[in-house]
PDB file of N, CA and C in Angstrom:
ATOM      1  N   UNK A   1      -3.262  -5.491 -11.893  1.00  0.00           N
ATOM      2  CA  UNK A   1      -1.786  -4.932 -11.974  1.00  0.00           C
ATOM      3  C   UNK A   1      -2.043  -3.533 -11.608  1.00  0.00           C
ATOM      4  N   UNK A   2      -0.941  -3.189 -10.679  1.00  0.00           N
ATOM      5  CA  UNK A   2      -0.720  -1.762 -10.141  1.00  0.00           C
ATOM      6  C   UNK A   2      -0.560  -0.758 -11.221  1.00  0.00           C
ATOM      7  N   UNK A   3      -0.817   0.511 -10.839  1.00  0.00           N
ATOM      8  CA  UNK A   3      -0.491   1.574 -11.700  1.00  0.00           C
ATOM      9  C   UNK A   3       1.044   2.077 -11.285  1.00  0.00           C
ATOM     10  N   UNK A   4       1.384   1.647 -10.288  1.00  0.00           N
ATOM     11  CA  UNK A   4       2.747   2.001  -9.509  1.00  0.00           C
ATOM     12  C   UNK A   4       3.743   0.846  -9.612  1.00  0.00           C
ATOM     13  N   UNK A   5       4.845   1.025 -10.045  1.00  0.00           N
ATOM     14  CA  UNK A   5       6.052   0.036 -10.056  1.00  0.00           C
ATOM     15  C   UNK A   5       6.226  -0.799  -8.860  1.00  0.00           C
ATOM     16  N   UNK A   6       6.462  -1.942  -8.627  1.00  0.00           N
ATOM     17  CA  UNK A   6       6.466  -2.469  -7.258  1.00  0.00           C
ATOM     18  C   UNK A   6       7.503  -1.865  -6.492  1.00  0.00           C
ATOM     19  N   UNK A   7       8.549  -0.964  -6.895  1.00  0.00           N
ATOM     20  CA  UNK A   7       9.550  -0.486  -5.849  1.00  0.00           C
ATOM     21  C   UNK A   7       8.790   0.743  -5.419  1.00  0.00           C
ATOM     22  N   UNK A   8       7.875   1.342  -5.878  1.00  0.00           N
ATOM     23  CA  UNK A   8       7.136   2.594  -5.683  1.00  0.00           C
ATOM     24  C   UNK A   8       5.905   2.239  -4.937  1.00  0.00           C
ATOM     25  N   UNK A   9       5.568   0.905  -4.845  1.00  0.00           N
ATOM     26  CA  UNK A   9       4.120   0.698  -4.019  1.00  0.00           C
ATOM     27  C   UNK A   9       4.615  -0.093  -2.768  1.00  0.00           C
ATOM     28  N   UNK A  10       5.311   0.802  -1.799  1.00  0.00           N
ATOM     29  CA  UNK A  10       5.877   0.092  -0.839  1.00  0.00           C
ATOM     30  C   UNK A  10       5.675   1.122   0.537  1.00  0.00           C
ATOM     31  N   UNK A  11       5.447   0.496   1.490  1.00  0.00           N
ATOM     32  CA  UNK A  11       5.112   1.523   2.490  1.00  0.00           C
ATOM     33  C   UNK A  11       6.419   2.622   3.135  1.00  0.00           C
ATOM     34  N   UNK A  12       7.428   2.055   2.819  1.00  0.00           N
ATOM     35  CA  UNK A  12       8.604   2.987   2.865  1.00  0.00           C
ATOM     36  C   UNK A  12       8.586   4.228   1.910  1.00  0.00           C
ATOM     37  N   UNK A  13       8.315   3.867   0.632  1.00  0.00           N
ATOM     38  CA  UNK A  13       8.324   4.706  -0.561  1.00  0.00           C
ATOM     39  C   UNK A  13       7.206   5.807  -0.104  1.00  0.00           C
ATOM     40  N   UNK A  14       6.077   5.349   0.455  1.00  0.00           N
ATOM     41  CA  UNK A  14       4.902   6.419   0.864  1.00  0.00           C
ATOM     42  C   UNK A  14       5.340   7.075   1.893  1.00  0.00           C
ATOM     43  N   UNK A  15       6.104   6.445   2.911  1.00  0.00           N
ATOM     44  CA  UNK A  15       6.621   7.494   4.069  1.00  0.00           C
ATOM     45  C   UNK A  15       7.350   8.455   3.507  1.00  0.00           C
ATOM     46  N   UNK A  16       8.231   8.097   2.489  1.00  0.00           N
ATOM     47  CA  UNK A  16       9.204   9.249   1.742  1.00  0.00           C
ATOM     48  C   UNK A  16       8.397  10.279   1.158  1.00  0.00           C
ATOM     49  N   UNK A  17       7.351   9.709   0.520  1.00  0.00           N
ATOM     50  CA  UNK A  17       6.397  10.899  -0.394  1.00  0.00           C
ATOM     51  C   UNK A  17       5.648  11.507   0.637  1.00  0.00           C
ATOM     52  N   UNK A  18       5.217  11.085   1.627  1.00  0.00           N
ATOM     53  CA  UNK A  18       4.376  11.928   2.747  1.00  0.00           C
ATOM     54  C   UNK A  18       5.343  12.811   3.393  1.00  0.00           C
ATOM     55  N   UNK A  19       6.823  12.529   3.621  1.00  0.00           N
ATOM     56  CA  UNK A  19       7.687  13.408   4.254  1.00  0.00           C
ATOM     57  C   UNK A  19       7.893  14.557   3.280  1.00  0.00           C
ATOM     58  N   UNK A  20       7.961  14.451   1.970  1.00  0.00           N
ATOM     59  CA  UNK A  20       8.392  15.405   1.082  1.00  0.00           C
ATOM     60  C   UNK A  20       7.143  16.356   0.777  1.00  0.00           C
ATOM     61  N   UNK A  21       6.055  15.593   0.859  1.00  0.00           N
ATOM     62  CA  UNK A  21       4.704  16.659   0.452  1.00  0.00           C
ATOM     63  C   UNK A  21       4.303  17.565   1.798  1.00  0.00           C
ATOM     64  N   UNK A  22       4.647  16.693   2.987  1.00  0.00           N
ATOM     65  CA  UNK A  22       4.196  17.535   3.979  1.00  0.00           C
ATOM     66  C   UNK A  22       5.198  18.708   4.169  1.00  0.00           C
ATOM     67  N   UNK A  23       6.354  18.420   3.936  1.00  0.00           N
ATOM     68  CA  UNK A  23       7.432  19.841   3.830  1.00  0.00           C
ATOM     69  C   UNK A  23       7.083  20.538   2.779  1.00  0.00           C
ATOM     70  N   UNK A  24       6.624  20.320   1.819  1.00  0.00           N
ATOM     71  CA  UNK A  24       6.240  21.318   0.683  1.00  0.00           C
ATOM     72  C   UNK A  24       5.193  22.175   1.198  1.00  0.00           C
ATOM     73  N   UNK A  25       4.163  21.627   1.622  1.00  0.00           N
ATOM     74  CA  UNK A  25       2.956  22.247   2.590  1.00  0.00           C
ATOM     75  C   UNK A  25       3.201  23.052   3.419  1.00  0.00           C
ATOM     76  N   UNK A  26       4.207  22.723   4.262  1.00  0.00           N
ATOM     77  CA  UNK A  26       4.432  23.514   5.452  1.00  0.00           C
ATOM     78  C   UNK A  26       5.492  24.644   4.819  1.00  0.00           C
ATOM     79  N   UNK A  27       6.219  24.576   3.807  1.00  0.00           N
ATOM     80  CA  UNK A  27       6.979  25.527   3.289  1.00  0.00           C
ATOM     81  C   UNK A  27       6.171  26.721   2.596  1.00  0.00           C
ATOM     82  N   UNK A  28       4.634  26.269   1.946  1.00  0.00           N
ATOM     83  CA  UNK A  28       3.950  26.902   1.375  1.00  0.00           C
ATOM     84  C   UNK A  28       2.996  27.775   2.622  1.00  0.00           C
ATOM     85  N   UNK A  29       2.822  27.171   3.673  1.00  0.00           N
ATOM     86  CA  UNK A  29       2.148  27.981   4.788  1.00  0.00           C
ATOM     87  C   UNK A  29       3.096  28.891   5.497  1.00  0.00           C
ATOM     88  N   UNK A  30       4.489  29.031   5.280  1.00  0.00           N
ATOM     89  CA  UNK A  30       5.329  29.782   5.956  1.00  0.00           C
ATOM     90  C   UNK A  30       5.048  31.362   5.661  1.00  0.00           C
ATOM     91  N   UNK A  31       4.767  31.547   4.429  1.00  0.00           N
ATOM     92  CA  UNK A  31       4.642  33.161   4.022  1.00  0.00           C
ATOM     93  C   UNK A  31       3.392  33.544   4.747  1.00  0.00           C
ATOM     94  N   UNK A  32       2.276  32.628   4.828  1.00  0.00           N
ATOM     95  CA  UNK A  32       1.096  33.037   5.312  1.00  0.00           C
ATOM     96  C   UNK A  32       1.488  33.261   6.882  1.00  0.00           C
ATOM     97  N   UNK A  33       2.204  32.655   7.598  1.00  0.00           N
ATOM     98  CA  UNK A  33       2.528  32.681   9.049  1.00  0.00           C
ATOM     99  C   UNK A  33       3.224  33.858   9.246  1.00  0.00           C
ATOM    100  N   UNK A  34       4.080  34.235   8.303  1.00  0.00           N
ATOM    101  CA  UNK A  34       4.846  35.551   8.637  1.00  0.00           C
ATOM    102  C   UNK A  34       3.924  36.589   8.253  1.00  0.00           C
ATOM    103  N   UNK A  35       3.183  36.626   7.430  1.00  0.00           N
ATOM    104  CA  UNK A  35       2.147  37.851   7.261  1.00  0.00           C
ATOM    105  C   UNK A  35       1.422  38.159   8.393  1.00  0.00           C
ATOM    106  N   UNK A  36       0.903  36.924   8.869  1.00  0.00           N
ATOM    107  CA  UNK A  36      -0.111  37.096  10.178  1.00  0.00           C
ATOM    108  C   UNK A  36       0.870  37.725  11.464  1.00  0.00           C
ATOM    109  N   UNK A  37       2.072  37.143  11.483  1.00  0.00           N
ATOM    110  CA  UNK A  37       2.834  37.937  12.429  1.00  0.00           C
ATOM    111  C   UNK A  37       3.248  39.344  12.070  1.00  0.00           C
ATOM    112  N   UNK A  38       3.415  39.703  11.063  1.00  0.00           N
ATOM    113  CA  UNK A  38       3.590  41.010  10.836  1.00  0.00           C
ATOM    114  C   UNK A  38       2.133  41.888  10.971  1.00  0.00           C
ATOM    115  N   UNK A  39       1.116  41.403  10.988  1.00  0.00           N
ATOM    116  CA  UNK A  39      -0.049  41.860  11.301  1.00  0.00           C
ATOM    117  C   UNK A  39      -0.172  42.346  12.793  1.00  0.00           C
ATOM    118  N   UNK A  40       0.559  41.310  13.566  1.00  0.00           N
ATOM    119  CA  UNK A  40       0.557  41.420  15.008  1.00  0.00           C
ATOM    120  C   UNK A  40       1.428  42.631  15.442  1.00  0.00           C
ATOM    121  N   UNK A  41       2.533  42.619  14.819  1.00  0.00           N
ATOM    122  CA  UNK A  41       3.376  43.737  15.060  1.00  0.00           C
ATOM    123  C   UNK A  41       2.875  45.142  14.458  1.00  0.00           C
ATOM    124  N   UNK A  42       2.194  45.137  13.319  1.00  0.00           N
ATOM    125  CA  UNK A  42       1.936  46.647  12.776  1.00  0.00           C
ATOM    126  C   UNK A  42       0.593  46.885  12.900  1.00  0.00           C
ATOM    127  N   UNK A  43      -0.421  46.114  12.554  1.00  0.00           N
ATOM    128  CA  UNK A  43      -1.808  46.693  12.845  1.00  0.00           C
ATOM    129  C   UNK A  43      -2.753  45.623  13.594  1.00  0.00           C
ATOM    130  N   UNK A  44      -3.081  46.278  14.703  1.00  0.00           N
ATOM    131  CA  UNK A  44      -3.828  45.360  15.661  1.00  0.00           C
ATOM    132  C   UNK A  44      -4.977  45.048  15.084  1.00  0.00           C
ATOM    133  N   UNK A  45      -5.674  46.191  14.494  1.00  0.00           N
ATOM    134  CA  UNK A  45      -7.102  45.989  13.887  1.00  0.00           C
ATOM    135  C   UNK A  45      -7.231  44.977  12.943  1.00  0.00           C
ATOM    136  N   UNK A  46      -6.345  44.930  11.943  1.00  0.00           N
ATOM    137  CA  UNK A  46      -6.314  43.894  10.972  1.00  0.00           C
ATOM    138  C   UNK A  46      -6.006  42.516  11.451  1.00  0.00           C
ATOM    139  N   UNK A  47      -5.250  42.511  12.558  1.00  0.00           N
ATOM    140  CA  UNK A  47      -4.969  41.259  13.405  1.00  0.00           C
ATOM    141  C   UNK A  47      -6.282  40.606  13.860  1.00  0.00           C
ATOM    142  N   UNK A  48      -7.130  41.503  14.546  1.00  0.00           N
ATOM    143  CA  UNK A  48      -8.218  41.177  15.216  1.00  0.00           C
ATOM    144  C   UNK A  48      -9.389  40.680  13.915  1.00  0.00           C
ATOM    145  N   UNK A  49      -9.411  41.285  12.967  1.00  0.00           N
ATOM    146  CA  UNK A  49     -10.380  40.751  11.847  1.00  0.00           C
ATOM    147  C   UNK A  49      -9.899  39.322  11.320  1.00  0.00           C
ATOM    148  N   UNK A  50      -8.567  39.313  11.245  1.00  0.00           N
ATOM    149  CA  UNK A  50      -7.928  37.798  10.852  1.00  0.00           C
ATOM    150  C   UNK A  50      -8.302  36.973  11.894  1.00  0.00           C
ATOM    151  N   UNK A  51      -8.014  37.196  13.216  1.00  0.00           N
ATOM    152  CA  UNK A  51      -8.473  36.349  14.078  1.00  0.00           C
ATOM    153  C   UNK A  51      -9.914  35.705  14.462  1.00  0.00           C
ATOM    154  N   UNK A  52     -11.019  36.871  13.954  1.00  0.00           N
ATOM    155  CA  UNK A  52     -12.165  36.617  13.785  1.00  0.00           C
ATOM    156  C   UNK A  52     -12.448  35.591  12.712  1.00  0.00           C
ATOM    157  N   UNK A  53     -11.792  35.629  11.716  1.00  0.00           N
ATOM    158  CA  UNK A  53     -12.002  34.789  10.632  1.00  0.00           C
ATOM    159  C   UNK A  53     -11.503  33.516  10.920  1.00  0.00           C
ATOM    160  N   UNK A  54     -10.516  33.352  11.650  1.00  0.00           N
ATOM    161  CA  UNK A  54      -9.984  31.922  12.084  1.00  0.00           C
ATOM    162  C   UNK A  54     -11.162  30.931  13.038  1.00  0.00           C
ATOM    163  N   UNK A  55     -12.225  31.829  13.303  1.00  0.00           N
ATOM    164  CA  UNK A  55     -13.166  31.025  14.040  1.00  0.00           C
ATOM    165  C   UNK A  55     -13.926  30.247  13.138  1.00  0.00           C
ATOM    166  N   UNK A  56     -13.795  30.256  11.727  1.00  0.00           N
ATOM    167  CA  UNK A  56     -14.433  29.801  10.967  1.00  0.00           C
ATOM    168  C   UNK A  56     -14.074  28.003  10.792  1.00  0.00           C
ATOM    169  N   UNK A  57     -15.280  27.162  10.963  1.00  0.00           N
ATOM    170  CA  UNK A  57     -14.848  25.736  11.068  1.00  0.00           C
ATOM    171  C   UNK A  57     -13.833  25.461  10.030  1.00  0.00           C
ATOM    172  N   UNK A  58     -14.170  25.820   8.624  1.00  0.00           N
ATOM    173  CA  UNK A  58     -13.134  25.417   7.681  1.00  0.00           C
ATOM    174  C   UNK A  58     -11.720  25.622   7.922  1.00  0.00           C
ATOM    175  N   UNK A  59     -11.325  26.722   8.851  1.00  0.00           N
ATOM    176  CA  UNK A  59      -9.908  27.247   9.159  1.00  0.00           C
ATOM    177  C   UNK A  59      -9.746  26.195  10.315  1.00  0.00           C
ATOM    178  N   UNK A  60     -10.420  25.926  11.384  1.00  0.00           N
ATOM    179  CA  UNK A  60     -10.271  25.050  12.160  1.00  0.00           C
ATOM    180  C   UNK A  60      -9.827  23.752  11.665  1.00  0.00           C
ATOM    181  N   UNK A  61     -10.393  23.387  10.637  1.00  0.00           N
ATOM    182  CA  UNK A  61     -10.270  22.121   9.909  1.00  0.00           C
ATOM    183  C   UNK A  61      -8.766  22.062   9.173  1.00  0.00           C
ATOM    184  N   UNK A  62      -8.399  23.279   8.570  1.00  0.00           N
ATOM    185  CA  UNK A  62      -7.156  23.551   8.140  1.00  0.00           C
ATOM    186  C   UNK A  62      -6.039  23.534   9.098  1.00  0.00           C
ATOM    187  N   UNK A  63      -6.213  24.017  10.298  1.00  0.00           N
ATOM    188  CA  UNK A  63      -5.220  24.147  11.521  1.00  0.00           C
ATOM    189  C   UNK A  63      -5.080  22.701  11.983  1.00  0.00           C
ATOM    190  N   UNK A  64      -6.075  21.659  11.930  1.00  0.00           N
ATOM    191  CA  UNK A  64      -5.833  20.347  12.447  1.00  0.00           C
ATOM    192  C   UNK A  64      -5.118  19.766  11.244  1.00  0.00           C
ATOM    193  N   UNK A  65      -5.303  19.901   9.929  1.00  0.00           N
ATOM    194  CA  UNK A  65      -4.453  19.471   8.945  1.00  0.00           C
ATOM    195  C   UNK A  65      -3.164  19.763   8.978  1.00  0.00           C
ATOM    196  N   UNK A  66      -3.019  21.082   9.223  1.00  0.00           N
ATOM    197  CA  UNK A  66      -1.411  21.799   9.542  1.00  0.00           C
ATOM    198  C   UNK A  66      -0.881  21.156  10.759  1.00  0.00           C
ATOM    199  N   UNK A  67      -1.496  20.620  11.686  1.00  0.00           N
ATOM    200  CA  UNK A  67      -0.794  20.089  12.799  1.00  0.00           C
ATOM    201  C   UNK A  67      -0.404  18.680  12.414  1.00  0.00           C
ATOM    202  N   UNK A  68      -1.239  17.909  11.652  1.00  0.00           N
ATOM    203  CA  UNK A  68      -1.081  16.501  11.384  1.00  0.00           C
ATOM    204  C   UNK A  68       0.123  16.784  10.298  1.00  0.00           C
ATOM    205  N   UNK A  69       0.240  17.623   9.530  1.00  0.00           N
ATOM    206  CA  UNK A  69       1.272  17.751   8.438  1.00  0.00           C
ATOM    207  C   UNK A  69       2.661  17.976   9.011  1.00  0.00           C
ATOM    208  N   UNK A  70       2.431  19.019  10.155  1.00  0.00           N
ATOM    209  CA  UNK A  70       3.804  19.060  10.838  1.00  0.00           C
ATOM    210  C   UNK A  70       4.341  17.775  11.773  1.00  0.00           C
ATOM    211  N   UNK A  71       3.124  17.104  12.325  1.00  0.00           N
ATOM    212  CA  UNK A  71       3.699  15.736  13.098  1.00  0.00           C
ATOM    213  C   UNK A  71       4.135  14.715  11.942  1.00  0.00           C
ATOM    214  N   UNK A  72       3.496  14.701  10.871  1.00  0.00           N
ATOM    215  CA  UNK A  72       3.982  13.842   9.906  1.00  0.00           C
ATOM    216  C   UNK A  72       5.409  14.184   9.423  1.00  0.00           C
ATOM    217  N   UNK A  73       5.581  15.562   9.145  1.00  0.00           N
ATOM    218  CA  UNK A  73       6.989  15.863   8.801  1.00  0.00           C
ATOM    219  C   UNK A  73       8.028  15.680   9.982  1.00  0.00           C
ATOM    220  N   UNK A  74       7.718  15.714  11.107  1.00  0.00           N
ATOM    221  CA  UNK A  74       8.549  15.674  12.305  1.00  0.00           C
ATOM    222  C   UNK A  74       8.889  13.943  12.135  1.00  0.00           C
ATOM    223  N   UNK A  75       7.941  13.330  12.253  1.00  0.00           N
ATOM    224  CA  UNK A  75       7.947  11.762  12.078  1.00  0.00           C
ATOM    225  C   UNK A  75       8.784  11.273  11.294  1.00  0.00           C
ATOM    226  N   UNK A  76       8.502  11.683  10.156  1.00  0.00           N
ATOM    227  CA  UNK A  76       9.277  11.395   8.872  1.00  0.00           C
ATOM    228  C   UNK A  76      10.703  11.770   9.032  1.00  0.00           C
ATOM    229  N   UNK A  77      11.153  13.007   9.660  1.00  0.00           N
ATOM    230  CA  UNK A  77      12.387  13.243   9.713  1.00  0.00           C
ATOM    231  C   UNK A  77      13.019  12.283  10.778  1.00  0.00           C
ATOM    232  N   UNK A  78      12.490  12.180  12.048  1.00  0.00           N
ATOM    233  CA  UNK A  78      13.111  11.003  12.855  1.00  0.00           C
ATOM    234  C   UNK A  78      13.223  10.008  12.240  1.00  0.00           C
ATOM    235  N   UNK A  79      12.276   9.469  11.213  1.00  0.00           N
ATOM    236  CA  UNK A  79      12.681   7.969  10.683  1.00  0.00           C
ATOM    237  C   UNK A  79      13.795   8.129   9.660  1.00  0.00           C
ATOM    238  N   UNK A  80      14.007   9.386   9.150  1.00  0.00           N
ATOM    239  CA  UNK A  80      15.084   9.323   8.250  1.00  0.00           C
ATOM    240  C   UNK A  80      16.470   9.412   8.917  1.00  0.00           C
ATOM    241  N   UNK A  81      16.394  10.279  10.165  1.00  0.00           N
ATOM    242  CA  UNK A  81      17.606  10.132  11.109  1.00  0.00           C
ATOM    243  C   UNK A  81      17.998   8.685  11.484  1.00  0.00           C
ATOM    244  N   UNK A  82      16.917   8.161  11.765  1.00  0.00           N
ATOM    245  CA  UNK A  82      16.912   6.669  12.408  1.00  0.00           C
ATOM    246  C   UNK A  82      17.704   5.835  11.123  1.00  0.00           C
ATOM    247  N   UNK A  83      17.320   6.218  10.084  1.00  0.00           N
ATOM    248  CA  UNK A  83      17.851   5.205   8.918  1.00  0.00           C
ATOM    249  C   UNK A  83      19.382   5.712   8.937  1.00  0.00           C
ATOM    250  N   UNK A  84      19.579   6.776   9.047  1.00  0.00           N
ATOM    251  CA  UNK A  84      20.957   7.540   8.850  1.00  0.00           C
ATOM    252  C   UNK A  84      21.874   6.795   9.957  1.00  0.00           C
ATOM    253  N   UNK A  85      21.555   6.713  11.017  1.00  0.00           N
ATOM    254  CA  UNK A  85      22.267   6.728  12.045  1.00  0.00           C
ATOM    255  C   UNK A  85      22.425   5.354  13.030  1.00  0.00           C
ATOM    256  N   UNK A  86      21.096   4.593  12.735  1.00  0.00           N
ATOM    257  CA  UNK A  86      20.915   3.413  13.554  1.00  0.00           C
ATOM    258  C   UNK A  86      21.278   2.093  12.411  1.00  0.00           C
ATOM    259  N   UNK A  87      21.806   1.052  13.124  1.00  0.00           N
ATOM    260  CA  UNK A  87      22.333  -0.131  12.219  1.00  0.00           C
ATOM    261  C   UNK A  87      21.364  -0.996  11.440  1.00  0.00           C
ATOM    262  N   UNK A  88      20.076  -0.989  12.045  1.00  0.00           N
ATOM    263  CA  UNK A  88      19.123  -1.930  11.632  1.00  0.00           C
ATOM    264  C   UNK A  88      18.449  -1.528  10.423  1.00  0.00           C
ATOM    265  N   UNK A  89      17.807  -2.539   9.842  1.00  0.00           N
ATOM    266  CA  UNK A  89      17.013  -2.396   8.474  1.00  0.00           C
ATOM    267  C   UNK A  89      15.624  -3.122   8.421  1.00  0.00           C
ATOM    268  N   UNK A  90      15.553  -4.095   9.521  1.00  0.00           N
ATOM    269  CA  UNK A  90      14.308  -4.726   9.397  1.00  0.00           C
ATOM    270  C   UNK A  90      13.002  -4.392   9.926  1.00  0.00           C
ATOM    271  N   UNK A  91      13.135  -3.345  10.838  1.00  0.00           N
ATOM    272  CA  UNK A  91      12.078  -2.788  11.467  1.00  0.00           C
ATOM    273  C   UNK A  91      11.642  -1.568  10.687  1.00  0.00           C
ATOM    274  N   UNK A  92      11.949  -1.244   9.523  1.00  0.00           N
ATOM    275  CA  UNK A  92      11.684   0.022   8.844  1.00  0.00           C
ATOM    276  C   UNK A  92      10.044   0.128   8.556  1.00  0.00           C
ATOM    277  N   UNK A  93       9.378  -0.888   8.191  1.00  0.00           N
ATOM    278  CA  UNK A  93       7.925  -0.744   8.011  1.00  0.00           C
ATOM    279  C   UNK A  93       7.230  -0.454   9.292  1.00  0.00           C
ATOM    280  N   UNK A  94       7.552  -1.057  10.264  1.00  0.00           N
ATOM    281  CA  UNK A  94       7.000  -1.005  11.882  1.00  0.00           C
ATOM    282  C   UNK A  94       7.230   0.642  12.179  1.00  0.00           C
ATOM    283  N   UNK A  95       8.390   1.109  11.944  1.00  0.00           N
ATOM    284  CA  UNK A  95       8.733   2.607  12.449  1.00  0.00           C
ATOM    285  C   UNK A  95       7.920   3.395  11.531  1.00  0.00           C
ATOM    286  N   UNK A  96       7.797   3.314  10.156  1.00  0.00           N
ATOM    287  CA  UNK A  96       6.971   4.131   9.321  1.00  0.00           C
ATOM    288  C   UNK A  96       5.480   3.891   9.617  1.00  0.00           C
ATOM    289  N   UNK A  97       5.076   2.824   9.876  1.00  0.00           N
ATOM    290  CA  UNK A  97       3.586   2.644  10.660  1.00  0.00           C
ATOM    291  C   UNK A  97       3.413   3.532  11.935  1.00  0.00           C
ATOM    292  N   UNK A  98       4.381   3.384  12.593  1.00  0.00           N
ATOM    293  CA  UNK A  98       4.218   4.008  14.196  1.00  0.00           C
ATOM    294  C   UNK A  98       4.588   5.409  13.958  1.00  0.00           C
ATOM    295  N   UNK A  99       5.437   5.999  13.069  1.00  0.00           N
ATOM    296  CA  UNK A  99       5.415   7.407  12.827  1.00  0.00           C
ATOM    297  C   UNK A  99       4.165   7.987  12.319  1.00  0.00           C
ATOM    298  N   UNK A 100       3.370   7.338  11.437  1.00  0.00           N
ATOM    299  CA  UNK A 100       2.239   7.830  10.936  1.00  0.00           C
ATOM    300  C   UNK A 100       1.000   7.837  11.893  1.00  0.00           C
ATOM    301  N   UNK A 101       1.241   6.667  12.684  1.00  0.00           N
ATOM    302  CA  UNK A 101      -0.022   6.623  13.794  1.00  0.00           C
ATOM    303  C   UNK A 101       0.347   7.712  14.830  1.00  0.00           C
ATOM    304  N   UNK A 102       1.585   8.017  15.022  1.00  0.00           N
ATOM    305  CA  UNK A 102       1.937   9.025  16.156  1.00  0.00           C
ATOM    306  C   UNK A 102       1.504  10.323  15.494  1.00  0.00           C
ATOM    307  N   UNK A 103       1.713  10.541  14.456  1.00  0.00           N
ATOM    308  CA  UNK A 103       1.420  11.984  13.567  1.00  0.00           C
ATOM    309  C   UNK A 103      -0.127  12.241  13.754  1.00  0.00           C
ATOM    310  N   UNK A 104      -0.857  11.083  13.262  1.00  0.00           N
ATOM    311  CA  UNK A 104      -2.454  11.144  13.329  1.00  0.00           C
ATOM    312  C   UNK A 104      -2.944  11.390  15.042  1.00  0.00           C
ATOM    313  N   UNK A 105      -2.224  10.658  15.907  1.00  0.00           N
ATOM    314  CA  UNK A 105      -2.534  10.788  17.180  1.00  0.00           C
ATOM    315  C   UNK A 105      -2.467  12.354  17.589  1.00  0.00           C
ATOM    316  N   UNK A 106      -1.365  13.031  17.209  1.00  0.00           N
ATOM    317  CA  UNK A 106      -1.205  14.312  17.662  1.00  0.00           C
ATOM    318  C   UNK A 106      -2.292  15.048  17.003  1.00  0.00           C
ATOM    319  N   UNK A 107      -2.681  14.974  15.690  1.00  0.00           N
ATOM    320  CA  UNK A 107      -3.703  15.402  15.111  1.00  0.00           C
ATOM    321  C   UNK A 107      -4.991  15.467  15.829  1.00  0.00           C
ATOM    322  N   UNK A 108      -5.159  14.276  16.365  1.00  0.00           N
ATOM    323  CA  UNK A 108      -6.291  14.187  17.031  1.00  0.00           C
ATOM    324  C   UNK A 108      -6.503  14.690  18.304  1.00  0.00           C
ATOM    325  N   UNK A 109      -5.476  14.657  19.155  1.00  0.00           N
ATOM    326  CA  UNK A 109      -5.165  15.484  20.391  1.00  0.00           C
ATOM    327  C   UNK A 109      -5.335  17.031  20.018  1.00  0.00           C
ATOM    328  N   UNK A 110      -5.043  17.299  19.048  1.00  0.00           N
ATOM    329  CA  UNK A 110      -5.038  18.926  18.640  1.00  0.00           C
ATOM    330  C   UNK A 110      -6.677  19.118  18.550  1.00  0.00           C
ATOM    331  N   UNK A 111      -7.230  18.220  17.815  1.00  0.00           N
ATOM    332  CA  UNK A 111      -8.603  18.364  17.203  1.00  0.00           C
ATOM    333  C   UNK A 111      -9.401  18.432  18.539  1.00  0.00           C
ATOM    334  N   UNK A 112      -9.287  17.528  19.379  1.00  0.00           N
ATOM    335  CA  UNK A 112      -9.833  17.590  21.062  1.00  0.00           C
ATOM    336  C   UNK A 112      -9.809  18.869  21.517  1.00  0.00           C
ATOM    337  N   UNK A 113      -8.826  19.502  21.469  1.00  0.00           N
ATOM    338  CA  UNK A 113      -8.382  20.681  22.229  1.00  0.00           C
ATOM    339  C   UNK A 113      -9.100  21.855  21.546  1.00  0.00           C
ATOM    340  N   UNK A 114      -9.107  21.614  20.152  1.00  0.00           N
ATOM    341  CA  UNK A 114      -9.659  22.925  19.348  1.00  0.00           C
ATOM    342  C   UNK A 114     -11.112  22.895  19.345  1.00  0.00           C
ATOM    343  N   UNK A 115     -11.758  21.707  19.385  1.00  0.00           N
ATOM    344  CA  UNK A 115     -13.325  21.850  19.267  1.00  0.00           C
ATOM    345  C   UNK A 115     -13.859  21.748  20.689  1.00  0.00           C
TER     346      UNK A 115
END
């Protein structure tokens, strides 16, 4: 017996959940990004310290995670647009799997360029 009801243990539901969680994570990242941009404008020394800190392997892993989240969110958004504007319904599982694979592919490509 599953802990999730049948209507929630479905690939399309999990695509919905990933889209919402990736959006939340990106929204939480935005203030950090704006802070770093303010360092670039205001204090070059602090920006240099921050950029030195980003050489840490944990930060690189977080960058890759961020790129995967961005790709997941973009792919999920495209899936939602397709659901809204295209007439078909039979290929939803295939498109959700393709969107997830594409997002992970972008993460791997980014990882190969970072490392």
